[in-house]
Amino acid sequence: MYKDYNTGQTALRLNLDFAIPSNHLANAISWFVDSVLEEYFQTERLS
């Protein structure tokens, strides 16, 4: 009724060892997010 399987065979392996080029859009987004003042994230607006 049930097939034998290995629980490790369904895991997806992610390659986290990569470098983003300096002219990639992700760097511009990171710069923008880092430049936003933390006060905007910490205040709750009810308007």
N, C-alpha and C. Protein backbone atom coordinates (compact mmCIF):
# COMPACT_ATOMS: atom_id res chain seq x y z
N MET A 1 0.82 -1.18 0.00
CA MET A 1 0.00 0.00 0.00
C MET A 1 0.87 1.26 0.00
N TYR A 2 1.89 1.32 0.88
CA TYR A 2 2.78 2.48 0.93
C TYR A 2 4.11 2.12 0.31
N LYS A 3 4.69 3.04 -0.42
CA LYS A 3 6.02 2.83 -1.00
C LYS A 3 7.07 3.29 -0.02
N ASP A 4 8.18 2.59 -0.01
CA ASP A 4 9.32 3.02 0.81
C ASP A 4 9.92 4.27 0.19
N TYR A 5 10.19 5.25 1.02
CA TYR A 5 10.81 6.48 0.53
C TYR A 5 11.76 7.02 1.57
N ASN A 6 12.65 7.85 1.12
CA ASN A 6 13.63 8.49 1.98
C ASN A 6 13.14 9.91 2.23
N THR A 7 13.06 10.36 3.49
CA THR A 7 12.56 11.70 3.78
C THR A 7 13.47 12.78 3.24
N GLY A 8 14.73 12.48 3.00
CA GLY A 8 15.66 13.46 2.47
C GLY A 8 15.49 13.71 0.98
N GLN A 9 14.80 12.84 0.29
CA GLN A 9 14.69 13.00 -1.15
C GLN A 9 13.72 14.12 -1.55
N THR A 10 12.88 14.58 -0.65
CA THR A 10 11.94 15.65 -0.98
C THR A 10 12.48 17.03 -0.60
N ALA A 11 13.64 17.08 -0.01
CA ALA A 11 14.21 18.36 0.41
C ALA A 11 14.84 19.07 -0.79
N LEU A 12 14.61 20.37 -0.86
CA LEU A 12 15.22 21.18 -1.91
C LEU A 12 16.53 21.76 -1.38
N ARG A 13 17.56 21.64 -2.14
CA ARG A 13 18.85 22.18 -1.74
C ARG A 13 19.02 23.56 -2.35
N LEU A 14 19.32 24.53 -1.52
CA LEU A 14 19.53 25.90 -1.98
C LEU A 14 21.01 26.23 -1.98
N ASN A 15 21.47 26.78 -3.07
CA ASN A 15 22.85 27.21 -3.16
C ASN A 15 22.93 28.64 -2.64
N LEU A 16 23.45 28.82 -1.45
CA LEU A 16 23.55 30.14 -0.84
C LEU A 16 24.93 30.75 -1.01
N ASP A 17 25.77 30.10 -1.76
CA ASP A 17 27.14 30.58 -1.98
C ASP A 17 27.22 31.25 -3.35
N PHE A 18 26.72 32.48 -3.42
CA PHE A 18 26.78 33.22 -4.67
C PHE A 18 27.00 34.69 -4.36
N ALA A 19 27.43 35.44 -5.34
CA ALA A 19 27.69 36.87 -5.17
C ALA A 19 26.82 37.65 -6.16
N ILE A 20 26.20 38.73 -5.69
CA ILE A 20 25.39 39.58 -6.55
C ILE A 20 26.32 40.63 -7.15
N PRO A 21 26.26 40.83 -8.46
CA PRO A 21 27.11 41.85 -9.08
C PRO A 21 26.81 43.24 -8.52
N SER A 22 27.81 44.11 -8.53
CA SER A 22 27.65 45.43 -7.93
C SER A 22 26.64 46.30 -8.66
N ASN A 23 26.36 46.02 -9.92
CA ASN A 23 25.40 46.83 -10.68
C ASN A 23 24.00 46.19 -10.74
N HIS A 24 23.74 45.23 -9.89
CA HIS A 24 22.44 44.53 -9.88
C HIS A 24 21.39 45.38 -9.17
N LEU A 25 20.14 45.28 -9.61
CA LEU A 25 19.03 46.04 -9.04
C LEU A 25 18.84 45.74 -7.55
N ALA A 26 19.17 44.54 -7.12
CA ALA A 26 19.02 44.18 -5.71
C ALA A 26 19.85 45.08 -4.81
N ASN A 27 20.99 45.52 -5.29
CA ASN A 27 21.83 46.43 -4.49
C ASN A 27 21.18 47.79 -4.32
N ALA A 28 20.51 48.28 -5.36
CA ALA A 28 19.80 49.57 -5.26
C ALA A 28 18.63 49.46 -4.29
N ILE A 29 17.92 48.35 -4.32
CA ILE A 29 16.81 48.14 -3.39
C ILE A 29 17.32 48.06 -1.98
N SER A 30 18.42 47.36 -1.78
CA SER A 30 19.02 47.25 -0.44
C SER A 30 19.44 48.61 0.08
N TRP A 31 20.05 49.42 -0.79
CA TRP A 31 20.46 50.77 -0.39
C TRP A 31 19.26 51.60 0.01
N PHE A 32 18.17 51.52 -0.76
CA PHE A 32 16.97 52.29 -0.46
C PHE A 32 16.36 51.88 0.88
N VAL A 33 16.22 50.59 1.10
CA VAL A 33 15.63 50.10 2.35
C VAL A 33 16.49 50.50 3.53
N ASP A 34 17.80 50.42 3.39
CA ASP A 34 18.69 50.80 4.48
C ASP A 34 18.66 52.30 4.75
N SER A 35 18.27 53.11 3.75
CA SER A 35 18.26 54.55 3.93
C SER A 35 16.97 55.06 4.59
N VAL A 36 15.93 54.23 4.64
CA VAL A 36 14.67 54.64 5.27
C VAL A 36 14.87 54.69 6.78
N LEU A 37 14.41 55.75 7.39
CA LEU A 37 14.55 55.90 8.83
C LEU A 37 13.73 54.85 9.57
N GLU A 38 14.29 54.33 10.65
CA GLU A 38 13.59 53.30 11.41
C GLU A 38 12.30 53.80 12.03
N GLU A 39 12.16 55.10 12.20
CA GLU A 39 10.94 55.66 12.78
C GLU A 39 9.71 55.31 11.95
N TYR A 40 9.89 55.18 10.64
CA TYR A 40 8.76 54.83 9.77
C TYR A 40 8.30 53.40 9.99
N PHE A 41 9.19 52.55 10.40
CA PHE A 41 8.84 51.15 10.64
C PHE A 41 8.27 50.94 12.03
N GLN A 42 8.61 51.80 12.97
CA GLN A 42 8.23 51.60 14.36
C GLN A 42 6.95 52.31 14.76
N THR A 43 6.46 53.24 13.97
CA THR A 43 5.25 53.97 14.33
C THR A 43 4.05 53.33 13.66
N GLU A 44 2.96 53.36 14.36
CA GLU A 44 1.71 52.82 13.82
C GLU A 44 0.84 54.00 13.40
N ARG A 45 0.44 53.99 12.16
CA ARG A 45 -0.37 55.08 11.63
C ARG A 45 -1.82 54.65 11.56
N LEU A 46 -2.70 55.45 12.09
CA LEU A 46 -4.12 55.10 12.13
C LEU A 46 -4.93 55.95 11.16
N SER A 47 -4.31 56.60 10.21
CA SER A 47 -5.05 57.44 9.27
C SER A 47 -5.52 56.67 8.06
